[in-house]
C-alpha atoms as a PDB file:
ATOM      1  CA  MET A   1       0.007   0.061  -0.002  1.00  0.00           C
ATOM      2  CA  SER A   2       1.352   3.379  -0.961  1.00  0.00           C
ATOM      3  CA  ALA A   3       1.968   6.058   1.735  1.00  0.00           C
ATOM      4  CA  ALA A   4      -0.683   8.203   0.235  1.00  0.00           C
ATOM      5  CA  ALA A   5      -3.366   5.426   0.267  1.00  0.00           C
ATOM      6  CA  ARG A   6      -2.915   4.714   3.954  1.00  0.00           C
ATOM      7  CA  SER A   7      -5.828   5.815   6.208  1.00  0.00           C
ATOM      8  CA  TRP A   8      -5.721   8.729   8.707  1.00  0.00           C
ATOM      9  CA  GLN A   9      -6.025   5.930  11.429  1.00  0.00           C
ATOM     10  CA  ALA A  10      -2.680   4.350  10.237  1.00  0.00           C
ATOM     11  CA  TRP A  11      -0.959   7.592   9.903  1.00  0.00           C
ATOM     12  CA  LEU A  12      -1.996   8.480  13.539  1.00  0.00           C
ATOM     13  CA  ALA A  13      -0.914   5.132  14.757  1.00  0.00           C
ATOM     14  CA  ASP A  14       2.392   5.346  13.135  1.00  0.00           C
ATOM     15  CA  GLY A  15       2.786   8.850  14.698  1.00  0.00           C
ATOM     16  CA  ARG A  16       1.970   7.711  18.071  1.00  0.00           C
ATOM     17  CA  ALA A  17       4.557   4.937  17.881  1.00  0.00           C
ATOM     18  CA  ARG A  18       7.207   7.455  16.765  1.00  0.00           C
ATOM     19  CA  LEU A  19       6.455  10.027  19.485  1.00  0.00           C
ATOM     20  CA  ALA A  20       6.239   7.131  22.083  1.00  0.00           C
ATOM     21  CA  ARG A  21       9.816   6.209  21.133  1.00  0.00           C
ATOM     22  CA  ALA A  22      10.904   9.828  21.383  1.00  0.00           C
ATOM     23  CA  GLY A  23       9.352   9.987  24.867  1.00  0.00           C
ATOM     24  CA  ILE A  24       6.938  12.891  23.856  1.00  0.00           C
ATOM     25  CA  ASP A  25       4.072  13.617  26.365  1.00  0.00           C
ATOM     26  CA  GLU A  26       0.499  14.040  25.229  1.00  0.00           C
ATOM     27  CA  ALA A  27       1.296  12.479  21.802  1.00  0.00           C
ATOM     28  CA  GLU A  28      -2.341  11.569  20.967  1.00  0.00           C
ATOM     29  CA  THR A  29      -3.672  15.045  21.586  1.00  0.00           C
ATOM     30  CA  LYS A  30      -0.843  16.595  19.559  1.00  0.00           C
ATOM     31  CA  LEU A  31      -1.237  14.383  16.651  1.00  0.00           C
ATOM     32  CA  ARG A  32      -4.967  14.849  16.602  1.00  0.00           C
ATOM     33  CA  TRP A  33      -4.427  18.679  16.665  1.00  0.00           C
ATOM     34  CA  VAL A  34      -2.106  18.334  13.700  1.00  0.00           C
ATOM     35  CA  ALA A  35      -4.733  16.204  11.780  1.00  0.00           C
ATOM     36  CA  ALA A  36      -7.559  18.537  12.713  1.00  0.00           C
ATOM     37  CA  HIS A  37      -5.538  21.502  11.369  1.00  0.00           C
ATOM     38  CA  LEU A  38      -4.811  19.595   8.044  1.00  0.00           C
ATOM     39  CA  LEU A  39      -8.424  18.565   7.694  1.00  0.00           C
ATOM     40  CA  GLY A  40      -9.840  21.893   8.552  1.00  0.00           C
ATOM     41  CA  CYS A  41     -11.996  20.461  11.447  1.00  0.00           C
ATOM     42  CA  GLY A  42     -12.429  20.264  15.222  1.00  0.00           C
ATOM     43  CA  LEU A  43     -10.528  17.648  17.356  1.00  0.00           C
ATOM     44  CA  LEU A  44     -13.456  15.459  17.847  1.00  0.00           C
ATOM     45  CA  ASP A  45     -14.371  15.550  14.081  1.00  0.00           C
ATOM     46  CA  VAL A  46     -10.954  13.889  13.272  1.00  0.00           C
ATOM     47  CA  LEU A  47     -12.544  10.537  14.419  1.00  0.00           C
ATOM     48  CA  ARG A  48     -15.058  10.405  11.550  1.00  0.00           C
ATOM     49  CA  HIS A  49     -12.086  10.949   9.042  1.00  0.00           C
ATOM     50  CA  LEU A  50     -10.139   8.082  10.283  1.00  0.00           C
ATOM     51  CA  PRO A  51     -11.077   5.488   7.624  1.00  0.00           C
ATOM     52  CA  GLU A  52     -10.408   8.147   4.902  1.00  0.00           C
ATOM     53  CA  SER A  53      -7.037   8.556   3.271  1.00  0.00           C
ATOM     54  CA  PRO A  54      -5.225  11.912   3.430  1.00  0.00           C
ATOM     55  CA  ALA A  55      -4.346  13.620   0.202  1.00  0.00           C
ATOM     56  CA  PRO A  56      -0.792  13.230  -0.824  1.00  0.00           C
ATOM     57  CA  ALA A  57       0.014  16.977   0.306  1.00  0.00           C
ATOM     58  CA  GLN A  58      -1.705  16.305   3.638  1.00  0.00           C
ATOM     59  CA  ALA A  59       0.209  13.184   4.118  1.00  0.00           C
ATOM     60  CA  ASP A  60       3.485  14.994   3.375  1.00  0.00           C
ATOM     61  CA  ARG A  61       2.670  17.753   5.833  1.00  0.00           C
ATOM     62  CA  PHE A  62       1.488  15.272   8.528  1.00  0.00           C
ATOM     63  CA  ALA A  63       4.919  13.397   8.240  1.00  0.00           C
ATOM     64  CA  ALA A  64       6.820  16.700   8.350  1.00  0.00           C
ATOM     65  CA  ALA A  65       4.799  17.600  11.521  1.00  0.00           C
ATOM     66  CA  VAL A  66       5.546  14.354  13.222  1.00  0.00           C
ATOM     67  CA  ALA A  67       9.217  14.843  12.651  1.00  0.00           C
ATOM     68  CA  ARG A  68       8.948  18.294  14.332  1.00  0.00           C
ATOM     69  CA  LEU A  69       6.994  16.944  17.219  1.00  0.00           C
ATOM     70  CA  GLU A  70       9.685  14.226  17.792  1.00  0.00           C
ATOM     71  CA  THR A  71      11.968  17.058  18.870  1.00  0.00           C
ATOM     72  CA  ASP A  72       9.437  18.280  21.377  1.00  0.00           C
ATOM     73  CA  GLU A  73       8.714  21.450  19.494  1.00  0.00           C
ATOM     74  CA  PRO A  74       5.359  22.840  20.683  1.00  0.00           C
ATOM     75  CA  VAL A  75       2.490  21.728  18.596  1.00  0.00           C
ATOM     76  CA  GLN A  76       1.237  25.380  18.396  1.00  0.00           C
ATOM     77  CA  TYR A  77       4.539  26.199  16.512  1.00  0.00           C
ATOM     78  CA  VAL A  78       4.191  23.065  14.254  1.00  0.00           C
ATOM     79  CA  ILE A  79       0.898  23.987  13.009  1.00  0.00           C
ATOM     80  CA  GLY A  80       1.528  27.657  13.285  1.00  0.00           C
ATOM     81  CA  GLU A  81      -1.538  28.771  15.248  1.00  0.00           C
ATOM     82  CA  THR A  82      -3.503  28.511  18.411  1.00  0.00           C
ATOM     83  CA  ASP A  83      -6.868  29.592  19.852  1.00  0.00           C
ATOM     84  CA  PHE A  84      -7.107  32.625  22.096  1.00  0.00           C
ATOM     85  CA  MET A  85     -10.300  34.251  23.407  1.00  0.00           C
ATOM     86  CA  GLY A  86     -12.110  32.706  20.331  1.00  0.00           C
ATOM     87  CA  LEU A  87      -9.494  34.039  17.876  1.00  0.00           C
ATOM     88  CA  ARG A  88      -7.128  32.062  15.667  1.00  0.00           C
ATOM     89  CA  ILE A  89      -3.699  33.522  16.713  1.00  0.00           C
ATOM     90  CA  ARG A  90      -0.648  32.851  14.394  1.00  0.00           C
ATOM     91  CA  CYS A  91       2.283  31.779  16.409  1.00  0.00           C
ATOM     92  CA  ASP A  92       6.000  30.746  15.790  1.00  0.00           C
ATOM     93  CA  SER A  93       9.324  31.083  17.630  1.00  0.00           C
ATOM     94  CA  ARG A  94       9.255  34.932  17.332  1.00  0.00           C
ATOM     95  CA  ALA A  95       7.012  35.100  20.417  1.00  0.00           C
ATOM     96  CA  LEU A  96       5.532  33.181  23.308  1.00  0.00           C
ATOM     97  CA  ILE A  97       2.675  30.885  22.691  1.00  0.00           C
ATOM     98  CA  PRO A  98      -0.720  32.466  23.992  1.00  0.00           C
ATOM     99  CA  ARG A  99      -1.962  30.476  26.877  1.00  0.00           C
ATOM    100  CA  PRO A 100      -5.235  29.970  28.811  1.00  0.00           C
ATOM    101  CA  GLU A 101      -4.186  31.945  31.920  1.00  0.00           C
ATOM    102  CA  THR A 102      -3.553  35.001  29.809  1.00  0.00           C
ATOM    103  CA  GLU A 103      -7.201  34.963  28.892  1.00  0.00           C
ATOM    104  CA  VAL A 104      -8.046  35.796  32.530  1.00  0.00           C
ATOM    105  CA  LEU A 105      -5.999  38.993  32.036  1.00  0.00           C
ATOM    106  CA  VAL A 106      -7.938  39.936  28.955  1.00  0.00           C
ATOM    107  CA  ALA A 107     -11.209  39.339  30.707  1.00  0.00           C
ATOM    108  CA  CYS A 108     -10.248  41.612  33.518  1.00  0.00           C
ATOM    109  CA  ALA A 109      -9.166  44.295  31.117  1.00  0.00           C
ATOM    110  CA  GLU A 110     -12.424  44.062  29.017  1.00  0.00           C
ATOM    111  CA  GLU A 111     -14.470  44.330  32.236  1.00  0.00           C
ATOM    112  CA  PHE A 112     -12.640  47.569  33.172  1.00  0.00           C
ATOM    113  CA  LEU A 113     -12.936  49.008  29.656  1.00  0.00           C
ATOM    114  CA  ARG A 114     -16.656  48.347  29.095  1.00  0.00           C
ATOM    115  CA  GLY A 115     -18.698  51.472  29.195  1.00  0.00           C
ATOM    116  CA  ARG A 116     -15.730  53.854  28.968  1.00  0.00           C
ATOM    117  CA  GLU A 117     -15.641  56.466  26.176  1.00  0.00           C
ATOM    118  CA  ARG A 118     -12.742  55.828  23.929  1.00  0.00           C
ATOM    119  CA  PRO A 119     -10.393  54.564  26.496  1.00  0.00           C
ATOM    120  CA  VAL A 120      -6.654  54.174  25.649  1.00  0.00           C
ATOM    121  CA  VAL A 121      -4.938  50.881  26.207  1.00  0.00           C
ATOM    122  CA  VAL A 122      -1.253  50.060  26.094  1.00  0.00           C
ATOM    123  CA  ASP A 123      -0.333  46.322  25.817  1.00  0.00           C
ATOM    124  CA  VAL A 124       3.252  46.098  26.805  1.00  0.00           C
ATOM    125  CA  CYS A 125       5.447  43.002  25.686  1.00  0.00           C
ATOM    126  CA  THR A 126       2.769  42.300  23.133  1.00  0.00           C
ATOM    127  CA  GLY A 127       4.483  39.221  21.605  1.00  0.00           C
ATOM    128  CA  THR A 128       1.933  37.742  19.177  1.00  0.00           C
ATOM    129  CA  GLY A 129      -0.311  40.600  19.817  1.00  0.00           C
ATOM    130  CA  CYS A 130      -2.991  38.209  21.279  1.00  0.00           C
ATOM    131  CA  ILE A 131      -4.021  40.531  24.100  1.00  0.00           C
ATOM    132  CA  ALA A 132      -3.946  43.704  21.962  1.00  0.00           C
ATOM    133  CA  CYS A 133      -5.980  42.046  19.098  1.00  0.00           C
ATOM    134  CA  ALA A 134      -8.464  40.513  21.510  1.00  0.00           C
ATOM    135  CA  LEU A 135      -9.227  43.765  23.282  1.00  0.00           C
ATOM    136  CA  ALA A 136      -9.364  45.518  19.833  1.00  0.00           C
ATOM    137  CA  LYS A 137     -11.976  43.204  18.618  1.00  0.00           C
ATOM    138  CA  ARG A 138     -13.974  42.899  21.885  1.00  0.00           C
ATOM    139  CA  VAL A 139     -13.790  46.702  22.851  1.00  0.00           C
ATOM    140  CA  PRO A 140     -13.927  48.406  19.457  1.00  0.00           C
ATOM    141  CA  GLU A 141     -14.214  51.827  20.862  1.00  0.00           C
ATOM    142  CA  ALA A 142     -10.799  51.539  22.657  1.00  0.00           C
ATOM    143  CA  ARG A 143      -7.587  52.841  21.052  1.00  0.00           C
ATOM    144  CA  VAL A 144      -5.149  49.992  21.548  1.00  0.00           C
ATOM    145  CA  VAL A 145      -1.396  50.537  21.421  1.00  0.00           C
ATOM    146  CA  ALA A 146       1.074  47.622  21.656  1.00  0.00           C
ATOM    147  CA  THR A 147       4.751  47.757  22.327  1.00  0.00           C
ATOM    148  CA  ASP A 148       7.536  45.161  22.203  1.00  0.00           C
ATOM    149  CA  LEU A 149      11.247  45.361  22.375  1.00  0.00           C
ATOM    150  CA  SER A 150      11.549  42.574  19.788  1.00  0.00           C
ATOM    151  CA  ALA A 151      11.157  43.634  16.069  1.00  0.00           C
ATOM    152  CA  ALA A 152      10.377  40.013  15.095  1.00  0.00           C
ATOM    153  CA  ALA A 153       7.539  39.698  17.607  1.00  0.00           C
ATOM    154  CA  LEU A 154       6.228  43.004  16.490  1.00  0.00           C
ATOM    155  CA  GLU A 155       6.025  41.789  13.012  1.00  0.00           C
ATOM    156  CA  LEU A 156       4.118  38.614  13.992  1.00  0.00           C
ATOM    157  CA  ALA A 157       1.777  40.918  16.023  1.00  0.00           C
ATOM    158  CA  ARG A 158       1.140  43.014  12.934  1.00  0.00           C
ATOM    159  CA  GLU A 159       0.356  39.863  10.962  1.00  0.00           C
ATOM    160  CA  ASN A 160      -2.078  38.748  13.491  1.00  0.00           C
ATOM    161  CA  ALA A 161      -3.827  42.127  13.539  1.00  0.00           C
ATOM    162  CA  ARG A 162      -4.109  42.181   9.841  1.00  0.00           C
ATOM    163  CA  ALA A 163      -5.429  38.671   9.637  1.00  0.00           C
ATOM    164  CA  LEU A 164      -7.975  39.389  12.326  1.00  0.00           C
ATOM    165  CA  GLY A 165      -8.946  42.848  11.085  1.00  0.00           C
ATOM    166  CA  ALA A 166      -8.066  44.275  14.544  1.00  0.00           C
ATOM    167  CA  THR A 167      -7.142  47.902  14.745  1.00  0.00           C
ATOM    168  CA  VAL A 168      -3.861  48.130  16.802  1.00  0.00           C
ATOM    169  CA  GLU A 169      -1.085  50.678  16.821  1.00  0.00           C
ATOM    170  CA  PHE A 170       2.250  48.903  17.103  1.00  0.00           C
ATOM    171  CA  ARG A 171       5.362  50.535  18.507  1.00  0.00           C
ATOM    172  CA  PRO A 172       8.899  49.258  19.096  1.00  0.00           C
ATOM    173  CA  ALA A 173       9.679  50.112  22.518  1.00  0.00           C
ATOM    174  CA  ASP A 174      11.153  48.866  25.789  1.00  0.00           C
ATOM    175  CA  LEU A 175       8.234  48.673  27.973  1.00  0.00           C
ATOM    176  CA  LEU A 176       6.488  52.098  28.123  1.00  0.00           C
ATOM    177  CA  ALA A 177       9.491  54.037  26.741  1.00  0.00           C
ATOM    178  CA  GLY A 178       8.373  57.122  24.810  1.00  0.00           C
ATOM    179  CA  ALA A 179       4.819  57.015  26.152  1.00  0.00           C
ATOM    180  CA  ALA A 180       3.434  60.483  27.227  1.00  0.00           C
ATOM    181  CA  ALA A 181       2.633  61.033  30.798  1.00  0.00           C
ATOM    182  CA  GLU A 182      -0.994  60.610  31.760  1.00  0.00           C
ATOM    183  CA  SER A 183      -1.820  59.078  28.297  1.00  0.00           C
ATOM    184  CA  ALA A 184      -3.368  55.890  29.152  1.00  0.00           C
ATOM    185  CA  ASP A 185      -6.477  54.526  30.806  1.00  0.00           C
ATOM    186  CA  LEU A 186      -5.177  50.907  31.047  1.00  0.00           C
ATOM    187  CA  VAL A 187      -1.822  49.408  30.927  1.00  0.00           C
ATOM    188  CA  VAL A 188      -1.972  45.613  30.446  1.00  0.00           C
ATOM    189  CA  SER A 189       0.976  43.142  30.074  1.00  0.00           C
ATOM    190  CA  ASN A 190       2.172  39.613  30.178  1.00  0.00           C
ATOM    191  CA  PRO A 191       5.838  40.603  30.977  1.00  0.00           C
ATOM    192  CA  PRO A 192       8.878  38.208  31.314  1.00  0.00           C
ATOM    193  CA  TYR A 193       8.575  36.900  34.786  1.00  0.00           C
ATOM    194  CA  VAL A 194      10.667  33.657  35.041  1.00  0.00           C
ATOM    195  CA  ALA A 195      13.818  33.923  37.277  1.00  0.00           C
ATOM    196  CA  THR A 196      16.889  33.477  35.129  1.00  0.00           C
ATOM    197  CA  ALA A 197      18.157  30.461  36.929  1.00  0.00           C
ATOM    198  CA  GLU A 198      14.720  28.781  36.536  1.00  0.00           C
ATOM    199  CA  ILE A 199      14.766  28.945  32.694  1.00  0.00           C
ATOM    200  CA  ALA A 200      17.150  26.037  32.452  1.00  0.00           C
ATOM    201  CA  ARG A 201      14.591  23.913  34.522  1.00  0.00           C
ATOM    202  CA  LEU A 202      11.593  24.718  32.408  1.00  0.00           C
ATOM    203  CA  ASP A 203       9.912  22.109  30.254  1.00  0.00           C
ATOM    204  CA  ARG A 204      11.994  21.324  27.171  1.00  0.00           C
ATOM    205  CA  THR A 205       9.088  22.595  24.913  1.00  0.00           C
ATOM    206  CA  VAL A 206       9.360  26.080  26.534  1.00  0.00           C
ATOM    207  CA  ARG A 207      13.077  26.126  27.202  1.00  0.00           C
ATOM    208  CA  ASP A 208      14.306  25.133  23.874  1.00  0.00           C
ATOM    209  CA  PHE A 209      11.669  26.736  21.467  1.00  0.00           C
ATOM    210  CA  GLU A 210      10.214  29.865  23.038  1.00  0.00           C
ATOM    211  CA  PRO A 211      12.119  33.169  23.085  1.00  0.00           C
ATOM    212  CA  ALA A 212      14.285  33.652  26.084  1.00  0.00           C
ATOM    213  CA  LEU A 213      13.727  37.488  25.913  1.00  0.00           C
ATOM    214  CA  ALA A 214      10.029  36.977  26.515  1.00  0.00           C
ATOM    215  CA  LEU A 215      10.731  34.577  29.541  1.00  0.00           C
ATOM    216  CA  ASP A 216      13.707  36.011  31.382  1.00  0.00           C
ATOM    217  CA  GLY A 217      12.568  38.260  34.290  1.00  0.00           C
ATOM    218  CA  GLY A 218      15.976  38.735  35.851  1.00  0.00           C
ATOM    219  CA  PRO A 219      17.464  37.112  38.950  1.00  0.00           C
ATOM    220  CA  ASP A 220      14.303  37.159  40.956  1.00  0.00           C
ATOM    221  CA  GLY A 221      11.888  37.088  38.053  1.00  0.00           C
ATOM    222  CA  LEU A 222      10.553  40.441  39.088  1.00  0.00           C
ATOM    223  CA  GLN A 223      12.829  42.709  37.376  1.00  0.00           C
ATOM    224  CA  THR A 224      10.815  43.538  34.395  1.00  0.00           C
ATOM    225  CA  ILE A 225       7.536  43.710  36.518  1.00  0.00           C
ATOM    226  CA  SER A 226       9.209  46.340  38.881  1.00  0.00           C
ATOM    227  CA  ARG A 227      10.301  48.480  35.950  1.00  0.00           C
ATOM    228  CA  LEU A 228       6.826  48.233  34.488  1.00  0.00           C
ATOM    229  CA  VAL A 229       5.158  49.313  37.721  1.00  0.00           C
ATOM    230  CA  ALA A 230       7.407  52.383  38.007  1.00  0.00           C
ATOM    231  CA  GLU A 231       6.851  53.415  34.349  1.00  0.00           C
ATOM    232  CA  ALA A 232       3.106  52.806  34.540  1.00  0.00           C
ATOM    233  CA  VAL A 233       2.781  55.320  37.397  1.00  0.00           C
ATOM    234  CA  HIS A 234       3.755  58.207  35.031  1.00  0.00           C
ATOM    235  CA  VAL A 235       1.764  56.825  31.966  1.00  0.00           C
ATOM    236  CA  LEU A 236      -1.584  56.101  33.616  1.00  0.00           C
ATOM    237  CA  ASN A 237      -4.315  58.763  33.963  1.00  0.00           C
ATOM    238  CA  SER A 238      -5.845  59.255  37.459  1.00  0.00           C
ATOM    239  CA  GLY A 239      -8.080  56.135  38.126  1.00  0.00           C
ATOM    240  CA  GLY A 240      -6.262  54.192  35.434  1.00  0.00           C
ATOM    241  CA  MET A 241      -5.398  50.561  35.829  1.00  0.00           C
ATOM    242  CA  LEU A 242      -2.376  48.481  35.570  1.00  0.00           C
ATOM    243  CA  MET A 243      -3.042  44.801  34.876  1.00  0.00           C
ATOM    244  CA  MET A 244      -0.186  42.232  34.632  1.00  0.00           C
ATOM    245  CA  GLU A 245       0.130  38.525  34.323  1.00  0.00           C
ATOM    246  CA  ILE A 246       2.456  37.078  37.128  1.00  0.00           C
ATOM    247  CA  GLY A 247       4.066  33.777  37.835  1.00  0.00           C
ATOM    248  CA  ASP A 248       1.803  31.449  40.074  1.00  0.00           C
ATOM    249  CA  ASP A 249       4.439  31.769  42.945  1.00  0.00           C
ATOM    250  CA  GLN A 250       4.804  35.711  42.731  1.00  0.00           C
ATOM    251  CA  ALA A 251       1.479  36.845  44.199  1.00  0.00           C
ATOM    252  CA  ASP A 252       2.829  37.902  47.628  1.00  0.00           C
ATOM    253  CA  ALA A 253       5.879  39.558  46.225  1.00  0.00           C
ATOM    254  CA  VAL A 254       3.979  41.458  43.586  1.00  0.00           C
ATOM    255  CA  ALA A 255       1.239  42.541  46.063  1.00  0.00           C
ATOM    256  CA  GLU A 256       3.887  43.939  48.399  1.00  0.00           C
ATOM    257  CA  MET A 257       5.673  45.811  45.633  1.00  0.00           C
ATOM    258  CA  LEU A 258       2.393  47.397  44.537  1.00  0.00           C
ATOM    259  CA  CYS A 259       1.427  48.251  48.121  1.00  0.00           C
ATOM    260  CA  ARG A 260       4.705  50.016  48.331  1.00  0.00           C
ATOM    261  CA  THR A 261       4.165  52.191  45.379  1.00  0.00           C
ATOM    262  CA  THR A 262       2.513  55.238  46.716  1.00  0.00           C
ATOM    263  CA  PRO A 263       0.805  56.413  43.511  1.00  0.00           C
ATOM    264  CA  LEU A 264      -0.749  53.063  42.899  1.00  0.00           C
ATOM    265  CA  GLN A 265      -3.411  51.271  44.984  1.00  0.00           C
ATOM    266  CA  PHE A 266      -3.170  47.590  44.947  1.00  0.00           C
ATOM    267  CA  MET A 267      -6.556  46.290  43.901  1.00  0.00           C
ATOM    268  CA  GLY A 268      -6.063  42.569  44.301  1.00  0.00           C
ATOM    269  CA  LEU A 269      -5.452  39.406  42.410  1.00  0.00           C
ATOM    270  CA  ARG A 270      -7.444  37.277  39.798  1.00  0.00           C
ATOM    271  CA  SER A 271      -6.882  33.459  39.711  1.00  0.00           C
ATOM    272  CA  ASP A 272      -6.757  31.085  36.704  1.00  0.00           C
ATOM    273  CA  CYS A 273      -9.107  28.127  36.284  1.00  0.00           C
ATOM    274  CA  ALA A 274      -6.671  25.987  38.597  1.00  0.00           C
ATOM    275  CA  GLY A 275      -7.211  28.591  41.363  1.00  0.00           C
ATOM    276  CA  ARG A 276      -3.716  30.018  41.065  1.00  0.00           C
ATOM    277  CA  ALA A 277      -3.382  33.771  41.370  1.00  0.00           C
ATOM    278  CA  ARG A 278      -2.145  34.847  37.922  1.00  0.00           C
ATOM    279  CA  VAL A 279      -3.198  38.514  37.352  1.00  0.00           C
ATOM    280  CA  ALA A 280      -2.289  41.442  39.562  1.00  0.00           C
ATOM    281  CA  LEU A 281      -4.310  44.739  39.418  1.00  0.00           C
ATOM    282  CA  ALA A 282      -3.612  48.227  40.603  1.00  0.00           C
ATOM    283  CA  SER A 283      -5.180  51.531  40.157  1.00  0.00           C
ATOM    284  CA  ARG A 284      -3.519  54.972  39.730  1.00  0.00           C
ATOM    285  CA  ARG A 285      -4.623  57.109  42.683  1.00  0.00           C
ATOM    286  CA  ALA A 286      -6.157  60.603  41.934  1.00  0.00           C
ATOM    287  CA  ARG A 287      -3.253  62.890  41.202  1.00  0.00           C
ATOM    288  CA  ALA A 288      -4.582  65.783  43.121  1.00  0.00           C
ATOM    289  CA  ALA A 289      -5.080  63.625  46.191  1.00  0.00           C
ATOM    290  CA  SER A 290      -1.652  62.164  45.800  1.00  0.00           C
ATOM    291  CA  LEU A 291      -0.092  65.686  45.848  1.00  0.00           C
ATOM    292  CA  GLY A 292      -2.067  66.667  48.749  1.00  0.00           C
ATOM    293  CA  ALA A 293      -0.960  63.631  50.690  1.00  0.00           C
ATOM    294  CA  LYS A 294       2.707  64.658  49.785  1.00  0.00           C
ATOM    295  CA  ARG A 295       2.074  68.177  51.209  1.00  0.00           C
ATOM    296  CA  ARG A 296       0.759  66.787  54.476  1.00  0.00           C
ATOM    297  CA  ARG A 297       3.732  64.642  55.187  1.00  0.00           C
ATOM    298  CA  PRO A 298       6.380  65.898  57.641  1.00  0.00           C
ATOM    299  CA  LYS A 299       9.787  66.692  56.449  1.00  0.00           C
ATOM    300  CA  ALA A 300      12.196  63.722  56.613  1.00  0.00           C
ATOM    301  CA  ARG A 301      15.836  64.021  57.635  1.00  0.00           C
ATOM    302  CA  THR A 302      16.784  61.240  55.393  1.00  0.00           C
ATOM    303  CA  SER A 303      17.043  61.075  51.586  1.00  0.00           C
ATOM    304  CA  PRO A 304      13.509  60.427  49.985  1.00  0.00           C
ATOM    305  CA  SER A 305      13.163  56.720  48.708  1.00  0.00           C
ATOM    306  CA  ARG A 306      13.322  56.175  45.144  1.00  0.00           C
END
């Protein structure tokens, strides 16, 4: 029997055997995801295609995908896309793969923006542009600006915005560099938050394939978050919000950091579906009240804190 005449069931069985020999986790799910992508159907619908034979081009692409999966490359990179907030997001090694926990961040942002008149949003470290595109589609009255230090990531984000018909302004920038004071109602970000030493211990699918620039949060994992908090203070309008995705072990440290930042009021944490705190929220205090509070403070003999 020629390779092209083999059924999808046979191709999948062969793929499972190859991935099992390579020690790849969740082989069945990954292979079915590839088949669904090639067939243009849902994961469950793959089952009804099992007796059929793939077209020669489909068979070739499936075999190439299995070879990539054997190296533990993420299946989202292999098929070139993933689902995020109901949107099909293109993804490759130029940016992190959008993950379900980031949807919690978008849901919080959407809730805050609803009902506001032409709010301005800045998505920092935009990566694939998934957050910016989702907010632009879900809150069309918002002006959405997205920044990233990586030119390659910005190009991928632009590709996603074009494909989705999302109106987003993209700017190359290190965090909020160049943003005007009091220019945003919301700063939202999924910043790098993995401690440098921890990167080597990440799962191989992340460590060897996703961009280190988007992962490395410095020695304690909080370096980028700390800088973002400091910059957001100046960019946010009075009453504006800062929303950040954080590591599942960083809730206490980030809450303490935000509580120490006088112009920001820590507003709490939001959890993912597993109950882990993954989103931190803070509000920019009213500037007039903040200035009045400064005038009421007694003079200190020591140098002011930074």
